[in-house]
Amino acid sequence: MFTGIVEELGEIVRVTATAGDSALVAVRGPLVTSDARHGDSIAVNGVCLTVVDAADGVFTADVMGETLRRSALGALRPGDPVNLERAAALGSRLGGHLVQGHVDGVGELVAREPAEQWETVRFRLPAALARYVVEKGSITIDGVSLTVAEVGADEFAVGLIPTTLKLTTLGAKGVGDPVNLEVDVLAKYVERLLGARLTDDASQATPSTGGVA
C-alpha cells in the first residue's frame, strides 16, 4: 500500500527482456534503496514492483507481461525518469490517499494550461474508468496522488503546484505522453457492493412461479 506522495525522482538504468514477454528492470533511486531488501515493494510510476536485488543505489524488479501490457512501463527506456515511492509503513502519515499500486489503465496527456502559481493539466482516460472519477475526488497519475479539478465525458483535469511540477515526472510530460492511472479503490468497492445489493433486492422481489397440482 502507498500514499501517492513521491519520495524520489529515479531513473531507468536498463530493461532486459526475460522468458516469455516479461522483463527485468533496473532503476536508480538512492533514497528508496537506502533500506531496500529483497521482497520489499517500491512503486515505479505508480506500479507496485517487488525488489529482487538492491545495491549501489540501484534496484531490480521483475515485470510480468500483463503489467507491461496494462501500464505505461512497457514504453520506458534507459535514461527515462520515474516517480518512486516505498510502501507505506504502519503509523506513518497518510499525506495523499490510499494507493494500491495496481494500475487500472493508461491515460494520455491532452493539454497543459500554465498559470502564475500552478498549472492545469488535462488527461484523457479509458471509458471504463470514467465512472470512477469525480470532481474533488482522488486519482493517482504515474504514482502521484492528485485531486480531480474538473471532469468531462472522457477527460479530467488536475492542478499541479510548483513542487509537483519540479519533483515528479508530471512536470516534463508532453501532450500525447501516456500515464498510468489508478482510480480511488473506494469507488470500485462501493460499485461492487451496490451492484450486489441491487441484485439481491431484484431476486427477492421476483415472485415464485410454483404450479398447482
N, C-alpha and C. Protein backbone atom coordinates (compact mmCIF):
# COMPACT_ATOMS: atom_id res chain seq x y z
N MET A 1 0.84 -1.19 0.00
CA MET A 1 0.00 0.00 0.00
C MET A 1 0.88 1.25 0.00
N PHE A 2 0.46 2.27 -0.76
CA PHE A 2 1.22 3.50 -0.89
C PHE A 2 0.31 4.69 -0.59
N THR A 3 0.89 5.89 -0.63
CA THR A 3 0.10 7.09 -0.35
C THR A 3 0.05 8.05 -1.54
N GLY A 4 0.84 7.79 -2.57
CA GLY A 4 0.85 8.67 -3.72
C GLY A 4 1.69 9.91 -3.52
N ILE A 5 2.55 9.91 -2.49
CA ILE A 5 3.48 11.01 -2.26
C ILE A 5 4.86 10.56 -2.75
N VAL A 6 5.28 11.07 -3.88
CA VAL A 6 6.54 10.64 -4.49
C VAL A 6 7.72 11.01 -3.60
N GLU A 7 8.58 10.04 -3.34
CA GLU A 7 9.75 10.28 -2.48
C GLU A 7 10.98 10.71 -3.27
N GLU A 8 11.04 10.24 -4.51
CA GLU A 8 12.28 10.46 -5.26
C GLU A 8 12.02 10.34 -6.75
N LEU A 9 12.71 11.17 -7.52
CA LEU A 9 12.66 11.06 -8.98
C LEU A 9 13.84 10.19 -9.39
N GLY A 10 13.52 8.95 -9.78
CA GLY A 10 14.56 8.00 -10.14
C GLY A 10 14.80 7.96 -11.64
N GLU A 11 15.53 6.94 -12.07
CA GLU A 11 15.90 6.82 -13.49
C GLU A 11 15.99 5.36 -13.87
N ILE A 12 15.46 5.03 -15.04
CA ILE A 12 15.59 3.68 -15.57
C ILE A 12 17.03 3.46 -16.02
N VAL A 13 17.66 2.41 -15.50
CA VAL A 13 19.05 2.09 -15.86
C VAL A 13 19.08 1.14 -17.05
N ARG A 14 18.28 0.10 -16.99
CA ARG A 14 18.22 -0.84 -18.11
C ARG A 14 16.93 -1.64 -18.04
N VAL A 15 16.52 -2.15 -19.19
CA VAL A 15 15.35 -3.02 -19.30
C VAL A 15 15.80 -4.25 -20.07
N THR A 16 15.71 -5.42 -19.43
CA THR A 16 16.19 -6.66 -20.04
C THR A 16 15.02 -7.61 -20.25
N ALA A 17 14.80 -8.02 -21.49
CA ALA A 17 13.73 -8.98 -21.77
C ALA A 17 14.07 -10.32 -21.14
N THR A 18 13.07 -10.96 -20.54
CA THR A 18 13.26 -12.27 -19.93
C THR A 18 12.31 -13.27 -20.58
N ALA A 19 12.17 -14.44 -19.97
CA ALA A 19 11.35 -15.50 -20.55
C ALA A 19 9.94 -15.01 -20.86
N GLY A 20 9.41 -15.45 -21.99
CA GLY A 20 8.07 -15.04 -22.39
C GLY A 20 8.07 -13.58 -22.78
N ASP A 21 7.09 -12.84 -22.27
CA ASP A 21 7.00 -11.41 -22.60
C ASP A 21 7.26 -10.54 -21.38
N SER A 22 7.99 -11.08 -20.42
CA SER A 22 8.30 -10.34 -19.20
C SER A 22 9.62 -9.59 -19.35
N ALA A 23 9.99 -8.84 -18.30
CA ALA A 23 11.23 -8.07 -18.35
C ALA A 23 11.79 -7.90 -16.95
N LEU A 24 13.08 -7.67 -16.88
CA LEU A 24 13.76 -7.33 -15.64
C LEU A 24 14.20 -5.88 -15.78
N VAL A 25 13.72 -5.01 -14.89
CA VAL A 25 14.08 -3.61 -14.97
C VAL A 25 15.02 -3.24 -13.82
N ALA A 26 15.96 -2.37 -14.12
CA ALA A 26 16.87 -1.84 -13.11
C ALA A 26 16.60 -0.34 -13.00
N VAL A 27 16.40 0.13 -11.76
CA VAL A 27 16.01 1.52 -11.53
C VAL A 27 16.97 2.15 -10.53
N ARG A 28 17.49 3.32 -10.86
CA ARG A 28 18.35 4.05 -9.93
C ARG A 28 17.49 4.91 -9.01
N GLY A 29 17.69 4.74 -7.69
CA GLY A 29 16.95 5.52 -6.71
C GLY A 29 17.66 5.43 -5.37
N PRO A 30 18.67 6.24 -5.11
CA PRO A 30 19.46 6.15 -3.88
C PRO A 30 18.63 6.22 -2.61
N LEU A 31 17.58 7.06 -2.59
CA LEU A 31 16.77 7.18 -1.38
C LEU A 31 15.95 5.94 -1.12
N VAL A 32 15.19 5.47 -2.12
CA VAL A 32 14.30 4.34 -1.90
C VAL A 32 15.07 3.03 -1.72
N THR A 33 16.33 2.98 -2.17
CA THR A 33 17.12 1.77 -1.98
C THR A 33 17.96 1.81 -0.71
N SER A 34 17.92 2.92 0.02
CA SER A 34 18.76 3.06 1.21
C SER A 34 18.45 2.01 2.27
N ASP A 35 17.20 1.53 2.31
CA ASP A 35 16.84 0.48 3.26
C ASP A 35 16.11 -0.67 2.58
N ALA A 36 16.23 -0.75 1.25
CA ALA A 36 15.51 -1.78 0.49
C ALA A 36 16.14 -3.15 0.64
N ARG A 37 15.27 -4.14 0.75
CA ARG A 37 15.70 -5.52 0.84
C ARG A 37 14.92 -6.36 -0.16
N HIS A 38 15.42 -7.54 -0.42
CA HIS A 38 14.72 -8.46 -1.32
C HIS A 38 13.29 -8.69 -0.82
N GLY A 39 12.33 -8.52 -1.72
CA GLY A 39 10.93 -8.73 -1.36
C GLY A 39 10.18 -7.48 -0.99
N ASP A 40 10.88 -6.36 -0.81
CA ASP A 40 10.20 -5.10 -0.50
C ASP A 40 9.43 -4.60 -1.72
N SER A 41 8.46 -3.71 -1.46
CA SER A 41 7.67 -3.13 -2.55
C SER A 41 8.06 -1.68 -2.78
N ILE A 42 8.25 -1.33 -4.05
CA ILE A 42 8.52 0.04 -4.45
C ILE A 42 7.64 0.35 -5.66
N ALA A 43 6.94 1.47 -5.59
CA ALA A 43 6.09 1.89 -6.71
C ALA A 43 6.93 2.66 -7.72
N VAL A 44 6.85 2.22 -8.97
CA VAL A 44 7.56 2.88 -10.08
C VAL A 44 6.51 3.45 -11.02
N ASN A 45 6.40 4.77 -11.05
CA ASN A 45 5.33 5.42 -11.83
C ASN A 45 3.97 4.83 -11.48
N GLY A 46 3.79 4.54 -10.19
CA GLY A 46 2.50 4.06 -9.71
C GLY A 46 2.28 2.58 -9.80
N VAL A 47 3.26 1.83 -10.30
CA VAL A 47 3.14 0.37 -10.41
C VAL A 47 3.92 -0.28 -9.28
N CYS A 48 3.25 -1.06 -8.47
CA CYS A 48 3.91 -1.75 -7.36
C CYS A 48 4.80 -2.86 -7.89
N LEU A 49 6.10 -2.75 -7.65
CA LEU A 49 7.06 -3.77 -8.08
C LEU A 49 7.77 -4.33 -6.85
N THR A 50 8.18 -5.59 -6.96
CA THR A 50 8.86 -6.28 -5.86
C THR A 50 10.37 -6.29 -6.11
N VAL A 51 11.11 -5.83 -5.12
CA VAL A 51 12.57 -5.75 -5.25
C VAL A 51 13.18 -7.15 -5.31
N VAL A 52 13.95 -7.39 -6.36
CA VAL A 52 14.71 -8.64 -6.48
C VAL A 52 16.08 -8.48 -5.83
N ASP A 53 16.71 -7.34 -6.12
CA ASP A 53 18.04 -7.07 -5.58
C ASP A 53 18.22 -5.56 -5.49
N ALA A 54 19.05 -5.12 -4.57
CA ALA A 54 19.34 -3.69 -4.42
C ALA A 54 20.78 -3.52 -4.00
N ALA A 55 21.50 -2.68 -4.73
CA ALA A 55 22.91 -2.42 -4.42
C ALA A 55 23.35 -1.14 -5.11
N ASP A 56 24.17 -0.35 -4.43
CA ASP A 56 24.76 0.86 -5.01
C ASP A 56 23.72 1.82 -5.57
N GLY A 57 22.60 1.94 -4.87
CA GLY A 57 21.58 2.89 -5.28
C GLY A 57 20.70 2.45 -6.42
N VAL A 58 20.81 1.18 -6.83
CA VAL A 58 20.00 0.64 -7.94
C VAL A 58 19.27 -0.61 -7.47
N PHE A 59 18.01 -0.72 -7.81
CA PHE A 59 17.27 -1.95 -7.51
C PHE A 59 16.73 -2.55 -8.79
N THR A 60 16.57 -3.86 -8.77
CA THR A 60 15.99 -4.56 -9.92
C THR A 60 14.67 -5.18 -9.52
N ALA A 61 13.79 -5.33 -10.51
CA ALA A 61 12.47 -5.91 -10.26
C ALA A 61 11.98 -6.62 -11.51
N ASP A 62 11.28 -7.72 -11.32
CA ASP A 62 10.66 -8.43 -12.43
C ASP A 62 9.34 -7.76 -12.78
N VAL A 63 9.08 -7.63 -14.07
CA VAL A 63 7.81 -7.05 -14.53
C VAL A 63 7.15 -8.06 -15.47
N MET A 64 5.97 -8.53 -15.07
CA MET A 64 5.25 -9.52 -15.87
C MET A 64 4.72 -8.90 -17.16
N GLY A 65 4.48 -9.75 -18.16
CA GLY A 65 3.93 -9.28 -19.42
C GLY A 65 2.60 -8.57 -19.23
N GLU A 66 1.77 -9.07 -18.32
CA GLU A 66 0.47 -8.45 -18.05
C GLU A 66 0.65 -7.01 -17.58
N THR A 67 1.64 -6.78 -16.72
CA THR A 67 1.92 -5.42 -16.23
C THR A 67 2.41 -4.53 -17.35
N LEU A 68 3.26 -5.05 -18.22
CA LEU A 68 3.77 -4.27 -19.35
C LEU A 68 2.64 -3.88 -20.30
N ARG A 69 1.67 -4.77 -20.48
CA ARG A 69 0.56 -4.50 -21.39
C ARG A 69 -0.44 -3.51 -20.81
N ARG A 70 -0.67 -3.57 -19.50
CA ARG A 70 -1.73 -2.79 -18.89
C ARG A 70 -1.24 -1.50 -18.25
N SER A 71 0.03 -1.21 -18.39
CA SER A 71 0.58 0.03 -17.85
C SER A 71 1.50 0.65 -18.90
N ALA A 72 2.01 1.83 -18.56
CA ALA A 72 2.94 2.51 -19.47
C ALA A 72 4.38 2.11 -19.21
N LEU A 73 4.62 1.13 -18.35
CA LEU A 73 6.00 0.72 -18.08
C LEU A 73 6.68 0.14 -19.30
N GLY A 74 5.90 -0.47 -20.17
CA GLY A 74 6.48 -1.09 -21.36
C GLY A 74 7.13 -0.09 -22.31
N ALA A 75 6.78 1.19 -22.17
CA ALA A 75 7.34 2.22 -23.05
C ALA A 75 8.60 2.85 -22.48
N LEU A 76 8.98 2.48 -21.25
CA LEU A 76 10.14 3.10 -20.63
C LEU A 76 11.45 2.58 -21.24
N ARG A 77 12.43 3.48 -21.32
CA ARG A 77 13.74 3.16 -21.87
C ARG A 77 14.82 3.68 -20.92
N PRO A 78 16.05 3.15 -20.99
CA PRO A 78 17.13 3.64 -20.14
C PRO A 78 17.28 5.15 -20.23
N GLY A 79 17.41 5.78 -19.08
CA GLY A 79 17.52 7.22 -19.01
C GLY A 79 16.22 7.93 -18.69
N ASP A 80 15.09 7.23 -18.85
CA ASP A 80 13.80 7.85 -18.56
C ASP A 80 13.63 8.08 -17.06
N PRO A 81 13.10 9.24 -16.65
CA PRO A 81 12.83 9.48 -15.23
C PRO A 81 11.57 8.76 -14.79
N VAL A 82 11.52 8.36 -13.53
CA VAL A 82 10.36 7.67 -12.98
C VAL A 82 10.10 8.15 -11.56
N ASN A 83 8.83 8.17 -11.17
CA ASN A 83 8.44 8.51 -9.81
C ASN A 83 8.58 7.27 -8.93
N LEU A 84 9.21 7.44 -7.79
CA LEU A 84 9.46 6.32 -6.88
C LEU A 84 8.87 6.59 -5.50
N GLU A 85 8.27 5.54 -4.91
CA GLU A 85 7.76 5.62 -3.55
C GLU A 85 7.85 4.25 -2.90
N ARG A 86 8.40 4.21 -1.69
CA ARG A 86 8.40 2.97 -0.92
C ARG A 86 7.03 2.71 -0.33
N ALA A 87 6.74 1.44 -0.03
CA ALA A 87 5.47 1.10 0.59
C ALA A 87 5.32 1.83 1.91
N ALA A 88 4.09 2.24 2.22
CA ALA A 88 3.83 2.98 3.46
C ALA A 88 4.02 2.06 4.67
N ALA A 89 4.53 2.62 5.74
CA ALA A 89 4.71 1.87 6.98
C ALA A 89 3.54 2.17 7.92
N LEU A 90 3.14 1.19 8.71
CA LEU A 90 2.07 1.40 9.68
C LEU A 90 2.47 2.52 10.64
N GLY A 91 1.55 3.44 10.87
CA GLY A 91 1.83 4.55 11.76
C GLY A 91 2.38 5.77 11.07
N SER A 92 2.67 5.66 9.76
CA SER A 92 3.19 6.82 9.03
C SER A 92 2.03 7.73 8.62
N ARG A 93 2.33 8.98 8.31
CA ARG A 93 1.31 9.92 7.90
C ARG A 93 0.77 9.56 6.51
N LEU A 94 -0.53 9.69 6.33
CA LEU A 94 -1.16 9.44 5.04
C LEU A 94 -1.33 10.78 4.34
N GLY A 95 -0.27 11.20 3.64
CA GLY A 95 -0.28 12.52 3.04
C GLY A 95 -1.14 12.62 1.80
N GLY A 96 -1.30 11.52 1.06
CA GLY A 96 -2.10 11.55 -0.16
C GLY A 96 -3.43 10.84 0.05
N HIS A 97 -3.58 9.66 -0.55
CA HIS A 97 -4.74 8.81 -0.28
C HIS A 97 -4.29 7.36 -0.44
N LEU A 98 -5.17 6.42 -0.14
CA LEU A 98 -4.79 5.01 -0.21
C LEU A 98 -4.58 4.59 -1.66
N VAL A 99 -3.35 4.21 -1.98
CA VAL A 99 -2.96 3.83 -3.33
C VAL A 99 -2.44 2.39 -3.29
N GLN A 100 -2.98 1.53 -4.14
CA GLN A 100 -2.59 0.13 -4.14
C GLN A 100 -1.36 -0.16 -4.99
N GLY A 101 -1.10 0.67 -5.97
CA GLY A 101 -0.03 0.36 -6.91
C GLY A 101 -0.49 -0.62 -7.98
N HIS A 102 -1.81 -0.73 -8.14
CA HIS A 102 -2.40 -1.60 -9.16
C HIS A 102 -3.01 -0.70 -10.24
N VAL A 103 -2.32 -0.55 -11.34
CA VAL A 103 -2.76 0.37 -12.39
C VAL A 103 -4.05 -0.13 -13.04
N ASP A 104 -5.02 0.77 -13.17
CA ASP A 104 -6.31 0.42 -13.78
C ASP A 104 -6.32 0.61 -15.29
N GLY A 105 -5.46 1.47 -15.78
CA GLY A 105 -5.42 1.72 -17.21
C GLY A 105 -4.42 2.81 -17.54
N VAL A 106 -4.24 3.02 -18.83
CA VAL A 106 -3.30 4.04 -19.31
C VAL A 106 -4.08 5.22 -19.88
N GLY A 107 -3.75 6.41 -19.39
CA GLY A 107 -4.36 7.63 -19.91
C GLY A 107 -3.39 8.36 -20.82
N GLU A 108 -3.82 9.52 -21.31
CA GLU A 108 -2.99 10.31 -22.22
C GLU A 108 -3.09 11.79 -21.86
N LEU A 109 -1.96 12.44 -21.77
CA LEU A 109 -1.97 13.88 -21.51
C LEU A 109 -2.42 14.60 -22.79
N VAL A 110 -3.44 15.45 -22.66
CA VAL A 110 -4.00 16.10 -23.86
C VAL A 110 -3.81 17.60 -23.88
N ALA A 111 -3.54 18.23 -22.72
CA ALA A 111 -3.35 19.69 -22.73
C ALA A 111 -2.69 20.15 -21.45
N ARG A 112 -1.91 21.21 -21.56
CA ARG A 112 -1.30 21.87 -20.40
C ARG A 112 -1.68 23.35 -20.45
N GLU A 113 -2.13 23.88 -19.32
CA GLU A 113 -2.56 25.27 -19.25
C GLU A 113 -1.81 25.97 -18.11
N PRO A 114 -0.68 26.61 -18.40
CA PRO A 114 0.10 27.26 -17.35
C PRO A 114 -0.63 28.45 -16.74
N ALA A 115 -0.43 28.62 -15.44
CA ALA A 115 -0.94 29.78 -14.73
C ALA A 115 0.21 30.38 -13.94
N GLU A 116 -0.08 31.42 -13.16
CA GLU A 116 1.00 32.11 -12.46
C GLU A 116 1.65 31.25 -11.40
N GLN A 117 0.85 30.54 -10.61
CA GLN A 117 1.39 29.77 -9.50
C GLN A 117 1.23 28.26 -9.65
N TRP A 118 0.49 27.82 -10.64
CA TRP A 118 0.27 26.39 -10.82
C TRP A 118 0.01 26.12 -12.30
N GLU A 119 -0.29 24.87 -12.61
CA GLU A 119 -0.56 24.51 -14.00
C GLU A 119 -1.72 23.52 -14.02
N THR A 120 -2.68 23.76 -14.89
CA THR A 120 -3.78 22.82 -15.08
C THR A 120 -3.41 21.86 -16.20
N VAL A 121 -3.50 20.56 -15.91
CA VAL A 121 -3.13 19.55 -16.89
C VAL A 121 -4.33 18.63 -17.12
N ARG A 122 -4.64 18.39 -18.38
CA ARG A 122 -5.80 17.58 -18.74
C ARG A 122 -5.35 16.23 -19.30
N PHE A 123 -6.12 15.21 -18.94
CA PHE A 123 -5.81 13.85 -19.37
C PHE A 123 -7.06 13.20 -19.95
N ARG A 124 -6.86 12.38 -20.98
CA ARG A 124 -7.92 11.52 -21.49
C ARG A 124 -7.79 10.17 -20.81
N LEU A 125 -8.91 9.55 -20.46
CA LEU A 125 -8.86 8.28 -19.77
C LEU A 125 -9.75 7.26 -20.46
N PRO A 126 -9.48 5.94 -20.26
CA PRO A 126 -10.32 4.91 -20.86
C PRO A 126 -11.77 5.05 -20.41
N ALA A 127 -12.71 4.76 -21.31
CA ALA A 127 -14.13 4.92 -21.00
C ALA A 127 -14.55 4.10 -19.78
N ALA A 128 -13.95 2.93 -19.60
CA ALA A 128 -14.33 2.07 -18.50
C ALA A 128 -13.98 2.65 -17.13
N LEU A 129 -13.08 3.63 -17.10
CA LEU A 129 -12.67 4.23 -15.82
C LEU A 129 -13.39 5.53 -15.51
N ALA A 130 -14.07 6.10 -16.50
CA ALA A 130 -14.65 7.43 -16.33
C ALA A 130 -15.62 7.50 -15.16
N ARG A 131 -16.39 6.45 -14.92
CA ARG A 131 -17.40 6.50 -13.86
C ARG A 131 -16.80 6.55 -12.46
N TYR A 132 -15.53 6.24 -12.33
CA TYR A 132 -14.89 6.26 -11.01
C TYR A 132 -14.25 7.61 -10.68
N VAL A 133 -14.25 8.52 -11.63
CA VAL A 133 -13.57 9.80 -11.45
C VAL A 133 -14.61 10.89 -11.20
N VAL A 134 -14.50 11.57 -10.06
CA VAL A 134 -15.45 12.61 -9.70
C VAL A 134 -14.71 13.88 -9.31
N GLU A 135 -15.37 15.01 -9.50
CA GLU A 135 -14.77 16.28 -9.12
C GLU A 135 -14.48 16.31 -7.63
N LYS A 136 -13.30 16.76 -7.27
CA LYS A 136 -12.78 16.82 -5.90
C LYS A 136 -12.44 15.44 -5.33
N GLY A 137 -12.54 14.41 -6.15
CA GLY A 137 -12.13 13.07 -5.72
C GLY A 137 -10.64 12.88 -5.94
N SER A 138 -10.15 11.71 -5.55
CA SER A 138 -8.72 11.41 -5.68
C SER A 138 -8.45 10.51 -6.88
N ILE A 139 -7.30 10.72 -7.50
CA ILE A 139 -6.83 9.84 -8.57
C ILE A 139 -5.31 9.82 -8.52
N THR A 140 -4.73 8.70 -8.95
CA THR A 140 -3.28 8.56 -8.97
C THR A 140 -2.80 8.58 -10.42
N ILE A 141 -1.89 9.51 -10.72
CA ILE A 141 -1.33 9.62 -12.07
C ILE A 141 0.17 9.38 -11.99
N ASP A 142 0.63 8.31 -12.62
CA ASP A 142 2.05 7.92 -12.55
C ASP A 142 2.55 7.89 -11.11
N GLY A 143 1.69 7.42 -10.21
CA GLY A 143 2.08 7.27 -8.81
C GLY A 143 1.92 8.51 -7.97
N VAL A 144 1.39 9.60 -8.55
CA VAL A 144 1.21 10.86 -7.81
C VAL A 144 -0.25 11.00 -7.40
N SER A 145 -0.50 11.15 -6.10
CA SER A 145 -1.85 11.37 -5.60
C SER A 145 -2.28 12.79 -5.91
N LEU A 146 -3.41 12.92 -6.63
CA LEU A 146 -3.89 14.24 -7.04
C LEU A 146 -5.39 14.36 -6.84
N THR A 147 -5.86 15.60 -6.73
CA THR A 147 -7.28 15.88 -6.59
C THR A 147 -7.84 16.31 -7.94
N VAL A 148 -8.95 15.70 -8.34
CA VAL A 148 -9.58 16.00 -9.62
C VAL A 148 -10.22 17.39 -9.55
N ALA A 149 -9.86 18.25 -10.49
CA ALA A 149 -10.40 19.61 -10.51
C ALA A 149 -11.63 19.73 -11.40
N GLU A 150 -11.61 19.03 -12.53
CA GLU A 150 -12.72 19.06 -13.48
C GLU A 150 -12.91 17.67 -14.07
N VAL A 151 -14.14 17.38 -14.47
CA VAL A 151 -14.45 16.09 -15.09
C VAL A 151 -15.28 16.30 -16.34
N GLY A 152 -14.90 15.61 -17.42
CA GLY A 152 -15.67 15.63 -18.65
C GLY A 152 -16.10 14.22 -19.00
N ALA A 153 -16.63 14.04 -20.20
CA ALA A 153 -17.11 12.72 -20.61
C ALA A 153 -15.99 11.69 -20.66
N ASP A 154 -14.85 12.08 -21.23
CA ASP A 154 -13.73 11.16 -21.34
C ASP A 154 -12.41 11.81 -20.95
N GLU A 155 -12.51 12.95 -20.24
CA GLU A 155 -11.31 13.67 -19.81
C GLU A 155 -11.49 14.16 -18.38
N PHE A 156 -10.38 14.49 -17.75
CA PHE A 156 -10.42 15.14 -16.45
C PHE A 156 -9.19 16.03 -16.34
N ALA A 157 -9.23 16.95 -15.40
CA ALA A 157 -8.13 17.87 -15.21
C ALA A 157 -7.70 17.90 -13.76
N VAL A 158 -6.41 18.16 -13.55
CA VAL A 158 -5.86 18.31 -12.20
C VAL A 158 -5.01 19.57 -12.18
N GLY A 159 -4.84 20.13 -10.99
CA GLY A 159 -3.96 21.28 -10.84
C GLY A 159 -2.65 20.84 -10.22
N LEU A 160 -1.54 21.25 -10.82
CA LEU A 160 -0.22 20.85 -10.33
C LEU A 160 0.50 22.07 -9.74
N ILE A 161 0.89 21.97 -8.49
CA ILE A 161 1.61 23.04 -7.83
C ILE A 161 3.09 22.97 -8.22
N PRO A 162 3.86 24.03 -7.99
CA PRO A 162 5.27 24.04 -8.38
C PRO A 162 6.07 22.85 -7.86
N THR A 163 5.80 22.43 -6.62
CA THR A 163 6.54 21.30 -6.06
C THR A 163 6.32 20.03 -6.87
N THR A 164 5.07 19.77 -7.25
CA THR A 164 4.76 18.58 -8.05
C THR A 164 5.40 18.67 -9.42
N LEU A 165 5.37 19.86 -10.01
CA LEU A 165 5.97 20.05 -11.33
C LEU A 165 7.48 19.82 -11.30
N LYS A 166 8.11 20.19 -10.19
CA LYS A 166 9.56 20.10 -10.09
C LYS A 166 10.04 18.72 -9.67
N LEU A 167 9.31 18.07 -8.76
CA LEU A 167 9.81 16.85 -8.13
C LEU A 167 9.21 15.56 -8.67
N THR A 168 8.37 15.63 -9.70
CA THR A 168 7.81 14.41 -10.29
C THR A 168 7.95 14.49 -11.82
N THR A 169 7.67 13.38 -12.47
CA THR A 169 7.76 13.33 -13.94
C THR A 169 6.67 14.16 -14.61
N LEU A 170 5.62 14.53 -13.87
CA LEU A 170 4.50 15.24 -14.49
C LEU A 170 4.90 16.62 -14.98
N GLY A 171 5.97 17.19 -14.43
CA GLY A 171 6.41 18.50 -14.87
C GLY A 171 6.96 18.51 -16.28
N ALA A 172 7.48 17.37 -16.75
CA ALA A 172 8.11 17.30 -18.07
C ALA A 172 7.28 16.54 -19.09
N LYS A 173 6.12 16.03 -18.69
CA LYS A 173 5.30 15.28 -19.64
C LYS A 173 4.76 16.21 -20.72
N GLY A 174 4.71 15.68 -21.95
CA GLY A 174 4.20 16.46 -23.06
C GLY A 174 2.88 15.93 -23.56
N VAL A 175 2.21 16.71 -24.39
CA VAL A 175 0.94 16.29 -24.98
C VAL A 175 1.16 15.00 -25.77
N GLY A 176 0.29 14.03 -25.53
CA GLY A 176 0.40 12.73 -26.19
C GLY A 176 1.11 11.68 -25.37
N ASP A 177 1.79 12.08 -24.30
CA ASP A 177 2.51 11.11 -23.46
C ASP A 177 1.53 10.25 -22.67
N PRO A 178 1.84 8.95 -22.53
CA PRO A 178 0.97 8.07 -21.74
C PRO A 178 1.27 8.19 -20.25
N VAL A 179 0.26 7.94 -19.42
CA VAL A 179 0.43 7.95 -17.97
C VAL A 179 -0.35 6.79 -17.36
N ASN A 180 0.16 6.26 -16.26
CA ASN A 180 -0.55 5.21 -15.53
C ASN A 180 -1.62 5.83 -14.65
N LEU A 181 -2.81 5.25 -14.69
CA LEU A 181 -3.92 5.75 -13.89
C LEU A 181 -4.39 4.68 -12.90
N GLU A 182 -4.59 5.10 -11.67
CA GLU A 182 -5.24 4.25 -10.68
C GLU A 182 -6.35 5.07 -10.03
N VAL A 183 -7.59 4.62 -10.22
CA VAL A 183 -8.72 5.33 -9.62
C VAL A 183 -8.83 4.98 -8.14
N ASP A 184 -9.62 5.75 -7.42
CA ASP A 184 -9.80 5.52 -5.99
C ASP A 184 -10.45 4.15 -5.77
N VAL A 185 -9.78 3.28 -5.04
CA VAL A 185 -10.27 1.92 -4.83
C VAL A 185 -11.60 1.93 -4.08
N LEU A 186 -11.87 2.94 -3.27
CA LEU A 186 -13.13 3.00 -2.55
C LEU A 186 -14.32 3.07 -3.51
N ALA A 187 -14.15 3.77 -4.62
CA ALA A 187 -15.22 3.87 -5.60
C ALA A 187 -15.55 2.50 -6.19
N LYS A 188 -14.54 1.70 -6.43
CA LYS A 188 -14.77 0.37 -7.01
C LYS A 188 -15.46 -0.55 -6.01
N TYR A 189 -15.10 -0.45 -4.75
CA TYR A 189 -15.76 -1.27 -3.73
C TYR A 189 -17.22 -0.86 -3.57
N VAL A 190 -17.49 0.44 -3.58
CA VAL A 190 -18.88 0.90 -3.46
C VAL A 190 -19.72 0.39 -4.63
N GLU A 191 -19.18 0.47 -5.83
CA GLU A 191 -19.89 -0.03 -7.01
C GLU A 191 -20.19 -1.52 -6.88
N ARG A 192 -19.22 -2.28 -6.42
CA ARG A 192 -19.39 -3.72 -6.27
C ARG A 192 -20.47 -4.05 -5.24
N LEU A 193 -20.42 -3.35 -4.11
CA LEU A 193 -21.38 -3.61 -3.04
C LEU A 193 -22.79 -3.21 -3.44
N LEU A 194 -22.92 -2.06 -4.10
CA LEU A 194 -24.24 -1.62 -4.54
C LEU A 194 -24.81 -2.55 -5.61
N GLY A 195 -23.93 -3.03 -6.50
CA GLY A 195 -24.38 -3.97 -7.53
C GLY A 195 -24.90 -5.25 -6.92
N ALA A 196 -24.20 -5.77 -5.90
CA ALA A 196 -24.66 -7.00 -5.23
C ALA A 196 -25.97 -6.76 -4.51
N ARG A 197 -26.10 -5.58 -3.88
CA ARG A 197 -27.33 -5.26 -3.16
C ARG A 197 -28.52 -5.17 -4.11
N LEU A 198 -28.35 -4.51 -5.25
CA LEU A 198 -29.43 -4.39 -6.23
C LEU A 198 -29.83 -5.75 -6.79
N THR A 199 -28.83 -6.62 -6.99
CA THR A 199 -29.13 -7.97 -7.49
C THR A 199 -29.94 -8.76 -6.47
N ASP A 200 -29.55 -8.65 -5.20
CA ASP A 200 -30.28 -9.35 -4.13
C ASP A 200 -31.70 -8.83 -4.01
N ASP A 201 -31.87 -7.50 -4.10
CA ASP A 201 -33.21 -6.91 -3.98
C ASP A 201 -34.10 -7.36 -5.12
N ALA A 202 -33.53 -7.41 -6.33
CA ALA A 202 -34.31 -7.83 -7.50
C ALA A 202 -34.71 -9.28 -7.38
N SER A 203 -33.80 -10.11 -6.83
CA SER A 203 -34.09 -11.53 -6.67
C SER A 203 -35.21 -11.75 -5.66
N GLN A 204 -35.20 -10.98 -4.57
CA GLN A 204 -36.22 -11.13 -3.54
C GLN A 204 -37.57 -10.62 -4.00
N ALA A 205 -37.58 -9.66 -4.94
CA ALA A 205 -38.83 -9.07 -5.42
C ALA A 205 -39.50 -9.92 -6.48
N THR A 206 -38.80 -10.88 -7.08
CA THR A 206 -39.36 -11.72 -8.13
C THR A 206 -40.28 -12.77 -7.52
N PRO A 207 -41.58 -12.80 -7.88
CA PRO A 207 -42.50 -13.79 -7.28
C PRO A 207 -42.19 -15.20 -7.73
N SER A 208 -42.46 -16.16 -6.89
CA SER A 208 -42.25 -17.57 -7.25
C SER A 208 -43.28 -17.99 -8.26
N THR A 209 -42.96 -19.01 -9.05
CA THR A 209 -43.87 -19.48 -10.11
C THR A 209 -44.21 -20.95 -9.91
N GLY A 210 -44.45 -21.30 -8.66
CA GLY A 210 -44.80 -22.69 -8.38
C GLY A 210 -46.14 -23.08 -8.99
N GLY A 211 -46.25 -24.30 -9.50
CA GLY A 211 -47.50 -24.76 -10.13
C GLY A 211 -48.48 -25.33 -9.10
N VAL A 212 -49.73 -25.57 -9.54
CA VAL A 212 -50.77 -26.12 -8.68
C VAL A 212 -51.06 -27.55 -9.15
N ALA A 213 -50.97 -28.50 -8.23
CA ALA A 213 -51.19 -29.90 -8.62
C ALA A 213 -52.66 -30.17 -8.83
